[in-house]
Amino acid sequence: MKPADLPELAPAGQALGRVDGPLKVTGRAQYSSDIALPGQLHAAVLRSPYPHAAVVAVDASAARAMDGVKAVLTADDLNDLTWYEEEVPFFSSRMRFVGDEVAAVAAVAAVDAVTAERAVAAIDAG
């Protein structure tokens, strides 16, 4: 016997409707970015404006001093952190393309997205 709350399964070869289709096309779908939890922090990453560059110094003191900024991470904080299977350093002083994460230099966590973006803009990565 089949529980009443399970949908009827379509035989192989037949198209199935998308369960989330009506919610998405009517704008009622909820995404993870729509959810706000108490105490939630927002992150922002400093990105390179240059296609090929080397970071020689980072001054994040202005970002750290801003109200609402809970954390600022730089290469000095996480020297050995890597990502991807290739063991690429998370923080690197070599920028490869425009938009490359100068998180390679700094990342910020703040009480809201606007504060996080302002803190990233206050970081001097020369």
PDB file of N, CA and C in Angstrom:
ATOM      1  N   MET A   1       0.848  -1.176   0.000  1.00  0.00           N
ATOM      2  CA  MET A   1       0.000   0.000   0.000  1.00  0.00           C
ATOM      3  C   MET A   1       0.895   1.241   0.000  1.00  0.00           C
ATOM      4  N   LYS A   2       0.496   2.237  -0.775  1.00  0.00           N
ATOM      5  CA  LYS A   2       1.274   3.450  -0.955  1.00  0.00           C
ATOM      6  C   LYS A   2       0.736   4.569  -0.061  1.00  0.00           C
ATOM      7  N   PRO A   3       1.631   5.288   0.661  1.00  0.00           N
ATOM      8  CA  PRO A   3       1.164   6.425   1.468  1.00  0.00           C
ATOM      9  C   PRO A   3       0.524   7.496   0.581  1.00  0.00           C
ATOM     10  N   ALA A   4      -0.482   8.147   1.087  1.00  0.00           N
ATOM     11  CA  ALA A   4      -1.238   9.125   0.308  1.00  0.00           C
ATOM     12  C   ALA A   4      -0.436  10.381  -0.016  1.00  0.00           C
ATOM     13  N   ASP A   5       0.600  10.685   0.757  1.00  0.00           N
ATOM     14  CA  ASP A   5       1.324  11.933   0.535  1.00  0.00           C
ATOM     15  C   ASP A   5       2.432  11.825  -0.508  1.00  0.00           C
ATOM     16  N   LEU A   6       2.711  10.629  -1.039  1.00  0.00           N
ATOM     17  CA  LEU A   6       3.734  10.476  -2.064  1.00  0.00           C
ATOM     18  C   LEU A   6       3.145  10.720  -3.449  1.00  0.00           C
ATOM     19  N   PRO A   7       3.895  11.415  -4.323  1.00  0.00           N
ATOM     20  CA  PRO A   7       3.376  11.655  -5.679  1.00  0.00           C
ATOM     21  C   PRO A   7       3.383  10.364  -6.491  1.00  0.00           C
ATOM     22  N   GLU A   8       2.513  10.321  -7.451  1.00  0.00           N
ATOM     23  CA  GLU A   8       2.483   9.180  -8.359  1.00  0.00           C
ATOM     24  C   GLU A   8       3.720   9.233  -9.245  1.00  0.00           C
ATOM     25  N   LEU A   9       4.428   8.125  -9.382  1.00  0.00           N
ATOM     26  CA  LEU A   9       5.631   8.087 -10.200  1.00  0.00           C
ATOM     27  C   LEU A   9       5.262   7.888 -11.661  1.00  0.00           C
ATOM     28  N   ALA A  10       5.907   8.660 -12.536  1.00  0.00           N
ATOM     29  CA  ALA A  10       5.652   8.535 -13.968  1.00  0.00           C
ATOM     30  C   ALA A  10       6.499   7.393 -14.526  1.00  0.00           C
ATOM     31  N   PRO A  11       5.989   6.674 -15.481  1.00  0.00           N
ATOM     32  CA  PRO A  11       6.774   5.596 -16.092  1.00  0.00           C
ATOM     33  C   PRO A  11       7.994   6.169 -16.827  1.00  0.00           C
ATOM     34  N   ALA A  12       8.996   5.345 -16.999  1.00  0.00           N
ATOM     35  CA  ALA A  12      10.205   5.774 -17.702  1.00  0.00           C
ATOM     36  C   ALA A  12       9.847   6.299 -19.080  1.00  0.00           C
ATOM     37  N   GLY A  13      10.559   7.352 -19.499  1.00  0.00           N
ATOM     38  CA  GLY A  13      10.341   7.922 -20.823  1.00  0.00           C
ATOM     39  C   GLY A  13       9.336   9.052 -20.847  1.00  0.00           C
ATOM     40  N   GLN A  14       8.666   9.308 -19.744  1.00  0.00           N
ATOM     41  CA  GLN A  14       7.711  10.413 -19.697  1.00  0.00           C
ATOM     42  C   GLN A  14       8.317  11.595 -18.945  1.00  0.00           C
ATOM     43  N   ALA A  15       8.016  12.792 -19.406  1.00  0.00           N
ATOM     44  CA  ALA A  15       8.538  13.996 -18.765  1.00  0.00           C
ATOM     45  C   ALA A  15       7.862  14.208 -17.420  1.00  0.00           C
ATOM     46  N   LEU A  16       8.636  14.662 -16.483  1.00  0.00           N
ATOM     47  CA  LEU A  16       8.104  15.015 -15.173  1.00  0.00           C
ATOM     48  C   LEU A  16       8.119  16.531 -15.038  1.00  0.00           C
ATOM     49  N   GLY A  17       7.095  17.102 -14.483  1.00  0.00           N
ATOM     50  CA  GLY A  17       7.056  18.542 -14.262  1.00  0.00           C
ATOM     51  C   GLY A  17       8.031  18.932 -13.172  1.00  0.00           C
ATOM     52  N   ARG A  18       8.503  20.161 -13.230  1.00  0.00           N
ATOM     53  CA  ARG A  18       9.412  20.648 -12.196  1.00  0.00           C
ATOM     54  C   ARG A  18       8.595  21.108 -10.999  1.00  0.00           C
ATOM     55  N   VAL A  19       8.917  20.551  -9.863  1.00  0.00           N
ATOM     56  CA  VAL A  19       8.189  20.879  -8.647  1.00  0.00           C
ATOM     57  C   VAL A  19       8.343  22.355  -8.294  1.00  0.00           C
ATOM     58  N   ASP A  20       9.548  22.922  -8.533  1.00  0.00           N
ATOM     59  CA  ASP A  20       9.800  24.301  -8.161  1.00  0.00           C
ATOM     60  C   ASP A  20       9.486  25.297  -9.273  1.00  0.00           C
ATOM     61  N   GLY A  21       9.059  24.818 -10.423  1.00  0.00           N
ATOM     62  CA  GLY A  21       8.789  25.691 -11.561  1.00  0.00           C
ATOM     63  C   GLY A  21       7.813  26.819 -11.268  1.00  0.00           C
ATOM     64  N   PRO A  22       6.612  26.512 -10.779  1.00  0.00           N
ATOM     65  CA  PRO A  22       5.647  27.589 -10.503  1.00  0.00           C
ATOM     66  C   PRO A  22       6.156  28.605  -9.480  1.00  0.00           C
ATOM     67  N   LEU A  23       6.874  28.133  -8.461  1.00  0.00           N
ATOM     68  CA  LEU A  23       7.410  29.068  -7.464  1.00  0.00           C
ATOM     69  C   LEU A  23       8.442  30.001  -8.084  1.00  0.00           C
ATOM     70  N   LYS A  24       9.298  29.470  -8.952  1.00  0.00           N
ATOM     71  CA  LYS A  24      10.336  30.294  -9.568  1.00  0.00           C
ATOM     72  C   LYS A  24       9.763  31.313 -10.544  1.00  0.00           C
ATOM     73  N   VAL A  25       8.846  30.910 -11.389  1.00  0.00           N
ATOM     74  CA  VAL A  25       8.326  31.841 -12.398  1.00  0.00           C
ATOM     75  C   VAL A  25       7.391  32.886 -11.816  1.00  0.00           C
ATOM     76  N   THR A  26       6.851  32.635 -10.629  1.00  0.00           N
ATOM     77  CA  THR A  26       5.991  33.635  -9.991  1.00  0.00           C
ATOM     78  C   THR A  26       6.751  34.491  -8.977  1.00  0.00           C
ATOM     79  N   GLY A  27       8.063  34.196  -8.794  1.00  0.00           N
ATOM     80  CA  GLY A  27       8.874  34.975  -7.874  1.00  0.00           C
ATOM     81  C   GLY A  27       8.661  34.630  -6.416  1.00  0.00           C
ATOM     82  N   ARG A  28       8.015  33.511  -6.132  1.00  0.00           N
ATOM     83  CA  ARG A  28       7.770  33.115  -4.744  1.00  0.00           C
ATOM     84  C   ARG A  28       8.781  32.107  -4.218  1.00  0.00           C
ATOM     85  N   ALA A  29       9.705  31.652  -5.051  1.00  0.00           N
ATOM     86  CA  ALA A  29      10.710  30.692  -4.604  1.00  0.00           C
ATOM     87  C   ALA A  29      11.643  31.368  -3.609  1.00  0.00           C
ATOM     88  N   GLN A  30      12.032  30.613  -2.597  1.00  0.00           N
ATOM     89  CA  GLN A  30      12.951  31.154  -1.602  1.00  0.00           C
ATOM     90  C   GLN A  30      14.315  30.498  -1.793  1.00  0.00           C
ATOM     91  N   TYR A  31      15.350  31.343  -1.855  1.00  0.00           N
ATOM     92  CA  TYR A  31      16.715  30.883  -2.043  1.00  0.00           C
ATOM     93  C   TYR A  31      17.491  31.108  -0.748  1.00  0.00           C
ATOM     94  N   SER A  32      18.655  30.496  -0.643  1.00  0.00           N
ATOM     95  CA  SER A  32      19.435  30.637   0.591  1.00  0.00           C
ATOM     96  C   SER A  32      19.785  32.100   0.865  1.00  0.00           C
ATOM     97  N   SER A  33      19.984  32.902  -0.174  1.00  0.00           N
ATOM     98  CA  SER A  33      20.300  34.319   0.036  1.00  0.00           C
ATOM     99  C   SER A  33      19.094  35.118   0.530  1.00  0.00           C
ATOM    100  N   ASP A  34      17.902  34.531   0.480  1.00  0.00           N
ATOM    101  CA  ASP A  34      16.699  35.196   0.984  1.00  0.00           C
ATOM    102  C   ASP A  34      16.504  34.981   2.483  1.00  0.00           C
ATOM    103  N   ILE A  35      17.263  34.091   3.059  1.00  0.00           N
ATOM    104  CA  ILE A  35      17.073  33.722   4.458  1.00  0.00           C
ATOM    105  C   ILE A  35      18.004  34.549   5.340  1.00  0.00           C
ATOM    106  N   ALA A  36      17.450  35.140   6.376  1.00  0.00           N
ATOM    107  CA  ALA A  36      18.237  35.900   7.346  1.00  0.00           C
ATOM    108  C   ALA A  36      18.026  35.277   8.722  1.00  0.00           C
ATOM    109  N   LEU A  37      19.111  34.875   9.357  1.00  0.00           N
ATOM    110  CA  LEU A  37      19.050  34.261  10.676  1.00  0.00           C
ATOM    111  C   LEU A  37      19.593  35.227  11.715  1.00  0.00           C
ATOM    112  N   PRO A  38      19.138  35.114  12.959  1.00  0.00           N
ATOM    113  CA  PRO A  38      19.662  35.988  14.011  1.00  0.00           C
ATOM    114  C   PRO A  38      21.176  35.808  14.161  1.00  0.00           C
ATOM    115  N   GLY A  39      21.911  36.906  14.211  1.00  0.00           N
ATOM    116  CA  GLY A  39      23.351  36.851  14.383  1.00  0.00           C
ATOM    117  C   GLY A  39      24.127  36.498  13.129  1.00  0.00           C
ATOM    118  N   GLN A  40      23.438  36.407  12.018  1.00  0.00           N
ATOM    119  CA  GLN A  40      24.086  36.044  10.752  1.00  0.00           C
ATOM    120  C   GLN A  40      25.087  37.104  10.322  1.00  0.00           C
ATOM    121  N   LEU A  41      26.254  36.656   9.848  1.00  0.00           N
ATOM    122  CA  LEU A  41      27.256  37.579   9.331  1.00  0.00           C
ATOM    123  C   LEU A  41      27.267  37.516   7.808  1.00  0.00           C
ATOM    124  N   HIS A  42      27.760  38.570   7.192  1.00  0.00           N
ATOM    125  CA  HIS A  42      27.855  38.649   5.738  1.00  0.00           C
ATOM    126  C   HIS A  42      29.325  38.780   5.364  1.00  0.00           C
ATOM    127  N   ALA A  43      29.720  38.071   4.326  1.00  0.00           N
ATOM    128  CA  ALA A  43      31.122  38.072   3.914  1.00  0.00           C
ATOM    129  C   ALA A  43      31.308  38.873   2.641  1.00  0.00           C
ATOM    130  N   ALA A  44      32.497  39.426   2.495  1.00  0.00           N
ATOM    131  CA  ALA A  44      32.889  40.115   1.272  1.00  0.00           C
ATOM    132  C   ALA A  44      34.367  39.827   1.049  1.00  0.00           C
ATOM    133  N   VAL A  45      34.744  39.751  -0.204  1.00  0.00           N
ATOM    134  CA  VAL A  45      36.108  39.416  -0.577  1.00  0.00           C
ATOM    135  C   VAL A  45      36.689  40.536  -1.427  1.00  0.00           C
ATOM    136  N   LEU A  46      37.880  40.953  -1.091  1.00  0.00           N
ATOM    137  CA  LEU A  46      38.575  41.946  -1.905  1.00  0.00           C
ATOM    138  C   LEU A  46      39.029  41.277  -3.189  1.00  0.00           C
ATOM    139  N   ARG A  47      38.702  41.872  -4.330  1.00  0.00           N
ATOM    140  CA  ARG A  47      39.043  41.283  -5.626  1.00  0.00           C
ATOM    141  C   ARG A  47      39.981  42.207  -6.389  1.00  0.00           C
ATOM    142  N   SER A  48      40.810  41.608  -7.211  1.00  0.00           N
ATOM    143  CA  SER A  48      41.815  42.369  -7.942  1.00  0.00           C
ATOM    144  C   SER A  48      41.201  43.195  -9.065  1.00  0.00           C
ATOM    145  N   PRO A  49      41.570  44.474  -9.175  1.00  0.00           N
ATOM    146  CA  PRO A  49      41.132  45.279 -10.316  1.00  0.00           C
ATOM    147  C   PRO A  49      42.090  45.149 -11.504  1.00  0.00           C
ATOM    148  N   TYR A  50      43.145  44.370 -11.332  1.00  0.00           N
ATOM    149  CA  TYR A  50      44.187  44.255 -12.353  1.00  0.00           C
ATOM    150  C   TYR A  50      44.249  42.843 -12.926  1.00  0.00           C
ATOM    151  N   PRO A  51      44.596  42.713 -14.217  1.00  0.00           N
ATOM    152  CA  PRO A  51      44.664  41.400 -14.841  1.00  0.00           C
ATOM    153  C   PRO A  51      45.895  40.593 -14.430  1.00  0.00           C
ATOM    154  N   HIS A  52      46.951  41.252 -13.994  1.00  0.00           N
ATOM    155  CA  HIS A  52      48.154  40.540 -13.570  1.00  0.00           C
ATOM    156  C   HIS A  52      48.894  41.454 -12.609  1.00  0.00           C
ATOM    157  N   ALA A  53      49.002  41.035 -11.353  1.00  0.00           N
ATOM    158  CA  ALA A  53      49.615  41.913 -10.365  1.00  0.00           C
ATOM    159  C   ALA A  53      50.147  41.101  -9.192  1.00  0.00           C
ATOM    160  N   ALA A  54      51.003  41.723  -8.437  1.00  0.00           N
ATOM    161  CA  ALA A  54      51.518  41.123  -7.213  1.00  0.00           C
ATOM    162  C   ALA A  54      51.194  42.050  -6.054  1.00  0.00           C
ATOM    163  N   VAL A  55      50.683  41.499  -4.981  1.00  0.00           N
ATOM    164  CA  VAL A  55      50.393  42.279  -3.783  1.00  0.00           C
ATOM    165  C   VAL A  55      51.667  42.331  -2.955  1.00  0.00           C
ATOM    166  N   VAL A  56      52.100  43.520  -2.626  1.00  0.00           N
ATOM    167  CA  VAL A  56      53.328  43.663  -1.851  1.00  0.00           C
ATOM    168  C   VAL A  56      53.052  44.027  -0.391  1.00  0.00           C
ATOM    169  N   ALA A  57      51.875  44.577  -0.095  1.00  0.00           N
ATOM    170  CA  ALA A  57      51.531  44.933   1.280  1.00  0.00           C
ATOM    171  C   ALA A  57      50.017  45.003   1.427  1.00  0.00           C
ATOM    172  N   VAL A  58      49.546  44.715   2.632  1.00  0.00           N
ATOM    173  CA  VAL A  58      48.115  44.793   2.927  1.00  0.00           C
ATOM    174  C   VAL A  58      47.943  45.538   4.243  1.00  0.00           C
ATOM    175  N   ASP A  59      47.113  46.585   4.213  1.00  0.00           N
ATOM    176  CA  ASP A  59      46.781  47.310   5.432  1.00  0.00           C
ATOM    177  C   ASP A  59      45.277  47.196   5.635  1.00  0.00           C
ATOM    178  N   ALA A  60      44.869  46.336   6.550  1.00  0.00           N
ATOM    179  CA  ALA A  60      43.448  46.114   6.822  1.00  0.00           C
ATOM    180  C   ALA A  60      43.012  46.792   8.108  1.00  0.00           C
ATOM    181  N   SER A  61      43.841  47.671   8.654  1.00  0.00           N
ATOM    182  CA  SER A  61      43.532  48.303   9.939  1.00  0.00           C
ATOM    183  C   SER A  61      42.249  49.131   9.886  1.00  0.00           C
ATOM    184  N   ALA A  62      42.005  49.844   8.787  1.00  0.00           N
ATOM    185  CA  ALA A  62      40.782  50.658   8.678  1.00  0.00           C
ATOM    186  C   ALA A  62      39.546  49.766   8.648  1.00  0.00           C
ATOM    187  N   ALA A  63      39.637  48.646   7.950  1.00  0.00           N
ATOM    188  CA  ALA A  63      38.506  47.715   7.890  1.00  0.00           C
ATOM    189  C   ALA A  63      38.249  47.093   9.256  1.00  0.00           C
ATOM    190  N   ARG A  64      39.307  46.711   9.954  1.00  0.00           N
ATOM    191  CA  ARG A  64      39.160  46.107  11.285  1.00  0.00           C
ATOM    192  C   ARG A  64      38.553  47.086  12.291  1.00  0.00           C
ATOM    193  N   ALA A  65      38.796  48.379  12.107  1.00  0.00           N
ATOM    194  CA  ALA A  65      38.322  49.394  13.050  1.00  0.00           C
ATOM    195  C   ALA A  65      36.864  49.796  12.813  1.00  0.00           C
ATOM    196  N   MET A  66      36.267  49.373  11.724  1.00  0.00           N
ATOM    197  CA  MET A  66      34.903  49.802  11.393  1.00  0.00           C
ATOM    198  C   MET A  66      33.868  49.129  12.295  1.00  0.00           C
ATOM    199  N   ASP A  67      32.848  49.913  12.700  1.00  0.00           N
ATOM    200  CA  ASP A  67      31.732  49.357  13.459  1.00  0.00           C
ATOM    201  C   ASP A  67      31.017  48.313  12.617  1.00  0.00           C
ATOM    202  N   GLY A  68      30.677  47.206  13.224  1.00  0.00           N
ATOM    203  CA  GLY A  68      29.936  46.153  12.537  1.00  0.00           C
ATOM    204  C   GLY A  68      30.809  45.104  11.877  1.00  0.00           C
ATOM    205  N   VAL A  69      32.105  45.348  11.795  1.00  0.00           N
ATOM    206  CA  VAL A  69      33.015  44.361  11.219  1.00  0.00           C
ATOM    207  C   VAL A  69      33.429  43.400  12.323  1.00  0.00           C
ATOM    208  N   LYS A  70      33.167  42.116  12.120  1.00  0.00           N
ATOM    209  CA  LYS A  70      33.468  41.101  13.126  1.00  0.00           C
ATOM    210  C   LYS A  70      34.800  40.407  12.881  1.00  0.00           C
ATOM    211  N   ALA A  71      35.243  40.328  11.629  1.00  0.00           N
ATOM    212  CA  ALA A  71      36.512  39.662  11.324  1.00  0.00           C
ATOM    213  C   ALA A  71      37.052  40.139   9.995  1.00  0.00           C
ATOM    214  N   VAL A  72      38.353  40.238   9.916  1.00  0.00           N
ATOM    215  CA  VAL A  72      39.054  40.518   8.667  1.00  0.00           C
ATOM    216  C   VAL A  72      40.201  39.516   8.610  1.00  0.00           C
ATOM    217  N   LEU A  73      40.218  38.714   7.565  1.00  0.00           N
ATOM    218  CA  LEU A  73      41.270  37.712   7.399  1.00  0.00           C
ATOM    219  C   LEU A  73      42.202  38.123   6.273  1.00  0.00           C
ATOM    220  N   THR A  74      43.485  37.997   6.518  1.00  0.00           N
ATOM    221  CA  THR A  74      44.486  38.276   5.491  1.00  0.00           C
ATOM    222  C   THR A  74      45.434  37.090   5.411  1.00  0.00           C
ATOM    223  N   ALA A  75      46.375  37.164   4.508  1.00  0.00           N
ATOM    224  CA  ALA A  75      47.360  36.100   4.351  1.00  0.00           C
ATOM    225  C   ALA A  75      48.122  35.872   5.646  1.00  0.00           C
ATOM    226  N   ASP A  76      48.344  36.918   6.422  1.00  0.00           N
ATOM    227  CA  ASP A  76      49.048  36.765   7.693  1.00  0.00           C
ATOM    228  C   ASP A  76      48.274  35.903   8.683  1.00  0.00           C
ATOM    229  N   ASP A  77      46.944  35.873   8.551  1.00  0.00           N
ATOM    230  CA  ASP A  77      46.107  35.094   9.463  1.00  0.00           C
ATOM    231  C   ASP A  77      46.038  33.616   9.088  1.00  0.00           C
ATOM    232  N   LEU A  78      46.093  33.330   7.802  1.00  0.00           N
ATOM    233  CA  LEU A  78      45.868  31.958   7.328  1.00  0.00           C
ATOM    234  C   LEU A  78      46.913  31.546   6.297  1.00  0.00           C
ATOM    235  N   ASN A  79      48.142  31.538   6.676  1.00  0.00           N
ATOM    236  CA  ASN A  79      49.230  31.256   5.737  1.00  0.00           C
ATOM    237  C   ASN A  79      49.099  29.927   5.004  1.00  0.00           C
ATOM    238  N   ASP A  80      48.708  28.881   5.700  1.00  0.00           N
ATOM    239  CA  ASP A  80      48.753  27.541   5.116  1.00  0.00           C
ATOM    240  C   ASP A  80      47.412  27.033   4.607  1.00  0.00           C
ATOM    241  N   LEU A  81      46.378  27.859   4.618  1.00  0.00           N
ATOM    242  CA  LEU A  81      45.067  27.409   4.168  1.00  0.00           C
ATOM    243  C   LEU A  81      45.057  27.232   2.653  1.00  0.00           C
ATOM    244  N   THR A  82      44.565  26.075   2.177  1.00  0.00           N
ATOM    245  CA  THR A  82      44.481  25.815   0.735  1.00  0.00           C
ATOM    246  C   THR A  82      43.048  25.419   0.384  1.00  0.00           C
ATOM    247  N   TRP A  83      42.741  25.523  -0.898  1.00  0.00           N
ATOM    248  CA  TRP A  83      41.438  25.074  -1.378  1.00  0.00           C
ATOM    249  C   TRP A  83      41.618  24.360  -2.688  1.00  0.00           C
ATOM    250  N   TYR A  84      40.604  23.698  -3.127  1.00  0.00           N
ATOM    251  CA  TYR A  84      40.622  22.857  -4.316  1.00  0.00           C
ATOM    252  C   TYR A  84      41.547  21.662  -4.100  1.00  0.00           C
ATOM    253  N   GLU A  85      41.379  20.675  -4.913  1.00  0.00           N
ATOM    254  CA  GLU A  85      42.205  19.474  -4.808  1.00  0.00           C
ATOM    255  C   GLU A  85      43.655  19.739  -5.178  1.00  0.00           C
ATOM    256  N   GLU A  86      43.917  20.802  -5.930  1.00  0.00           N
ATOM    257  CA  GLU A  86      45.281  21.109  -6.364  1.00  0.00           C
ATOM    258  C   GLU A  86      46.093  21.789  -5.270  1.00  0.00           C
ATOM    259  N   GLU A  87      45.499  21.952  -4.074  1.00  0.00           N
ATOM    260  CA  GLU A  87      46.198  22.596  -2.968  1.00  0.00           C
ATOM    261  C   GLU A  87      46.603  24.030  -3.296  1.00  0.00           C
ATOM    262  N   VAL A  88      45.725  24.757  -3.968  1.00  0.00           N
ATOM    263  CA  VAL A  88      45.960  26.167  -4.286  1.00  0.00           C
ATOM    264  C   VAL A  88      45.859  26.969  -2.992  1.00  0.00           C
ATOM    265  N   PRO A  89      46.841  27.805  -2.681  1.00  0.00           N
ATOM    266  CA  PRO A  89      46.751  28.611  -1.456  1.00  0.00           C
ATOM    267  C   PRO A  89      45.526  29.530  -1.507  1.00  0.00           C
ATOM    268  N   PHE A  90      44.778  29.596  -0.415  1.00  0.00           N
ATOM    269  CA  PHE A  90      43.606  30.460  -0.358  1.00  0.00           C
ATOM    270  C   PHE A  90      44.032  31.914  -0.421  1.00  0.00           C
ATOM    271  N   PHE A  91      45.072  32.247   0.278  1.00  0.00           N
ATOM    272  CA  PHE A  91      45.604  33.596   0.249  1.00  0.00           C
ATOM    273  C   PHE A  91      46.916  33.572  -0.521  1.00  0.00           C
ATOM    274  N   SER A  92      46.990  34.356  -1.571  1.00  0.00           N
ATOM    275  CA  SER A  92      48.184  34.393  -2.408  1.00  0.00           C
ATOM    276  C   SER A  92      48.506  35.846  -2.729  1.00  0.00           C
ATOM    277  N   SER A  93      49.765  36.132  -2.973  1.00  0.00           N
ATOM    278  CA  SER A  93      50.125  37.504  -3.313  1.00  0.00           C
ATOM    279  C   SER A  93      50.138  37.731  -4.820  1.00  0.00           C
ATOM    280  N   ARG A  94      49.832  36.718  -5.610  1.00  0.00           N
ATOM    281  CA  ARG A  94      49.861  36.819  -7.065  1.00  0.00           C
ATOM    282  C   ARG A  94      48.433  36.832  -7.601  1.00  0.00           C
ATOM    283  N   MET A  95      48.039  37.927  -8.254  1.00  0.00           N
ATOM    284  CA  MET A  95      46.730  38.036  -8.877  1.00  0.00           C
ATOM    285  C   MET A  95      46.860  37.620 -10.346  1.00  0.00           C
ATOM    286  N   ARG A  96      45.956  36.780 -10.811  1.00  0.00           N
ATOM    287  CA  ARG A  96      46.061  36.237 -12.157  1.00  0.00           C
ATOM    288  C   ARG A  96      45.119  36.897 -13.157  1.00  0.00           C
ATOM    289  N   PHE A  97      43.995  37.442 -12.686  1.00  0.00           N
ATOM    290  CA  PHE A  97      43.012  38.031 -13.598  1.00  0.00           C
ATOM    291  C   PHE A  97      42.163  39.055 -12.864  1.00  0.00           C
ATOM    292  N   VAL A  98      41.474  39.918 -13.625  1.00  0.00           N
ATOM    293  CA  VAL A  98      40.566  40.891 -13.025  1.00  0.00           C
ATOM    294  C   VAL A  98      39.471  40.122 -12.299  1.00  0.00           C
ATOM    295  N   GLY A  99      39.228  40.459 -11.051  1.00  0.00           N
ATOM    296  CA  GLY A  99      38.229  39.770 -10.259  1.00  0.00           C
ATOM    297  C   GLY A  99      38.796  38.633  -9.431  1.00  0.00           C
ATOM    298  N   ASP A 100      40.091  38.326  -9.626  1.00  0.00           N
ATOM    299  CA  ASP A 100      40.729  37.296  -8.811  1.00  0.00           C
ATOM    300  C   ASP A 100      40.594  37.701  -7.352  1.00  0.00           C
ATOM    301  N   GLU A 101      40.387  36.720  -6.489  1.00  0.00           N
ATOM    302  CA  GLU A 101      40.183  37.028  -5.077  1.00  0.00           C
ATOM    303  C   GLU A 101      41.466  37.556  -4.460  1.00  0.00           C
ATOM    304  N   VAL A 102      41.436  38.831  -4.149  1.00  0.00           N
ATOM    305  CA  VAL A 102      42.534  39.384  -3.391  1.00  0.00           C
ATOM    306  C   VAL A 102      42.232  38.977  -1.955  1.00  0.00           C
ATOM    307  N   ALA A 103      41.217  38.071  -1.833  1.00  0.00           N
ATOM    308  CA  ALA A 103      40.991  37.393  -0.564  1.00  0.00           C
ATOM    309  C   ALA A 103      42.279  36.696  -0.395  1.00  0.00           C
ATOM    310  N   ALA A 104      42.841  36.525  -1.543  1.00  0.00           N
ATOM    311  CA  ALA A 104      44.228  36.169  -1.556  1.00  0.00           C
ATOM    312  C   ALA A 104      44.881  37.150  -0.636  1.00  0.00           C
ATOM    313  N   VAL A 105      44.245  38.265  -0.433  1.00  0.00           N
ATOM    314  CA  VAL A 105      44.787  39.261   0.476  1.00  0.00           C
ATOM    315  C   VAL A 105      43.858  39.484   1.662  1.00  0.00           C
ATOM    316  N   ALA A 106      42.553  39.573   1.440  1.00  0.00           N
ATOM    317  CA  ALA A 106      41.673  39.870   2.566  1.00  0.00           C
ATOM    318  C   ALA A 106      40.240  39.442   2.321  1.00  0.00           C
ATOM    319  N   ALA A 107      39.601  38.983   3.387  1.00  0.00           N
ATOM    320  CA  ALA A 107      38.180  38.663   3.385  1.00  0.00           C
ATOM    321  C   ALA A 107      37.588  39.253   4.662  1.00  0.00           C
ATOM    322  N   VAL A 108      36.337  39.677   4.596  1.00  0.00           N
ATOM    323  CA  VAL A 108      35.699  40.382   5.710  1.00  0.00           C
ATOM    324  C   VAL A 108      34.394  39.696   6.079  1.00  0.00           C
ATOM    325  N   ALA A 109      34.092  39.637   7.375  1.00  0.00           N
ATOM    326  CA  ALA A 109      32.784  39.202   7.862  1.00  0.00           C
ATOM    327  C   ALA A 109      32.216  40.351   8.684  1.00  0.00           C
ATOM    328  N   ALA A 110      30.995  40.765   8.361  1.00  0.00           N
ATOM    329  CA  ALA A 110      30.386  41.916   9.040  1.00  0.00           C
ATOM    330  C   ALA A 110      28.917  41.646   9.302  1.00  0.00           C
ATOM    331  N   VAL A 111      28.294  42.552  10.054  1.00  0.00           N
ATOM    332  CA  VAL A 111      26.905  42.365  10.457  1.00  0.00           C
ATOM    333  C   VAL A 111      25.910  42.486   9.307  1.00  0.00           C
ATOM    334  N   ASP A 112      26.298  43.137   8.226  1.00  0.00           N
ATOM    335  CA  ASP A 112      25.429  43.214   7.056  1.00  0.00           C
ATOM    336  C   ASP A 112      26.286  43.346   5.802  1.00  0.00           C
ATOM    337  N   ALA A 113      25.667  43.129   4.650  1.00  0.00           N
ATOM    338  CA  ALA A 113      26.400  43.127   3.383  1.00  0.00           C
ATOM    339  C   ALA A 113      27.001  44.493   3.061  1.00  0.00           C
ATOM    340  N   VAL A 114      26.296  45.561   3.372  1.00  0.00           N
ATOM    341  CA  VAL A 114      26.802  46.915   3.087  1.00  0.00           C
ATOM    342  C   VAL A 114      28.066  47.185   3.893  1.00  0.00           C
ATOM    343  N   THR A 115      28.055  46.833   5.171  1.00  0.00           N
ATOM    344  CA  THR A 115      29.230  47.033   6.018  1.00  0.00           C
ATOM    345  C   THR A 115      30.400  46.190   5.524  1.00  0.00           C
ATOM    346  N   ALA A 116      30.124  44.957   5.117  1.00  0.00           N
ATOM    347  CA  ALA A 116      31.182  44.077   4.604  1.00  0.00           C
ATOM    348  C   ALA A 116      31.825  44.682   3.354  1.00  0.00           C
ATOM    349  N   GLU A 117      31.014  45.200   2.450  1.00  0.00           N
ATOM    350  CA  GLU A 117      31.554  45.805   1.226  1.00  0.00           C
ATOM    351  C   GLU A 117      32.340  47.084   1.535  1.00  0.00           C
ATOM    352  N   ARG A 118      31.860  47.877   2.474  1.00  0.00           N
ATOM    353  CA  ARG A 118      32.588  49.098   2.858  1.00  0.00           C
ATOM    354  C   ARG A 118      33.929  48.742   3.485  1.00  0.00           C
ATOM    355  N   ALA A 119      33.955  47.706   4.295  1.00  0.00           N
ATOM    356  CA  ALA A 119      35.206  47.286   4.936  1.00  0.00           C
ATOM    357  C   ALA A 119      36.203  46.795   3.894  1.00  0.00           C
ATOM    358  N   VAL A 120      35.731  46.047   2.921  1.00  0.00           N
ATOM    359  CA  VAL A 120      36.622  45.574   1.844  1.00  0.00           C
ATOM    360  C   VAL A 120      37.193  46.771   1.090  1.00  0.00           C
ATOM    361  N   ALA A 121      36.357  47.768   0.840  1.00  0.00           N
ATOM    362  CA  ALA A 121      36.826  48.955   0.115  1.00  0.00           C
ATOM    363  C   ALA A 121      37.860  49.736   0.937  1.00  0.00           C
ATOM    364  N   ALA A 122      37.834  49.587   2.259  1.00  0.00           N
ATOM    365  CA  ALA A 122      38.773  50.307   3.118  1.00  0.00           C
ATOM    366  C   ALA A 122      40.134  49.620   3.212  1.00  0.00           C
ATOM    367  N   ILE A 123      40.254  48.432   2.672  1.00  0.00           N
ATOM    368  CA  ILE A 123      41.523  47.703   2.747  1.00  0.00           C
ATOM    369  C   ILE A 123      42.470  48.227   1.681  1.00  0.00           C
ATOM    370  N   ASP A 124      43.667  48.532   2.094  1.00  0.00           N
ATOM    371  CA  ASP A 124      44.696  49.003   1.159  1.00  0.00           C
ATOM    372  C   ASP A 124      45.611  47.829   0.833  1.00  0.00           C
ATOM    373  N   ALA A 125      45.471  47.310  -0.370  1.00  0.00           N
ATOM    374  CA  ALA A 125      46.321  46.200  -0.816  1.00  0.00           C
ATOM    375  C   ALA A 125      47.202  46.725  -1.940  1.00  0.00           C
ATOM    376  N   GLY A 126      48.389  47.095  -1.583  1.00  0.00           N
ATOM    377  CA  GLY A 126      49.290  47.687  -2.559  1.00  0.00           C
ATOM    378  C   GLY A 126      50.282  46.707  -3.119  1.00  0.00           C
TER     379      GLY A 126
END
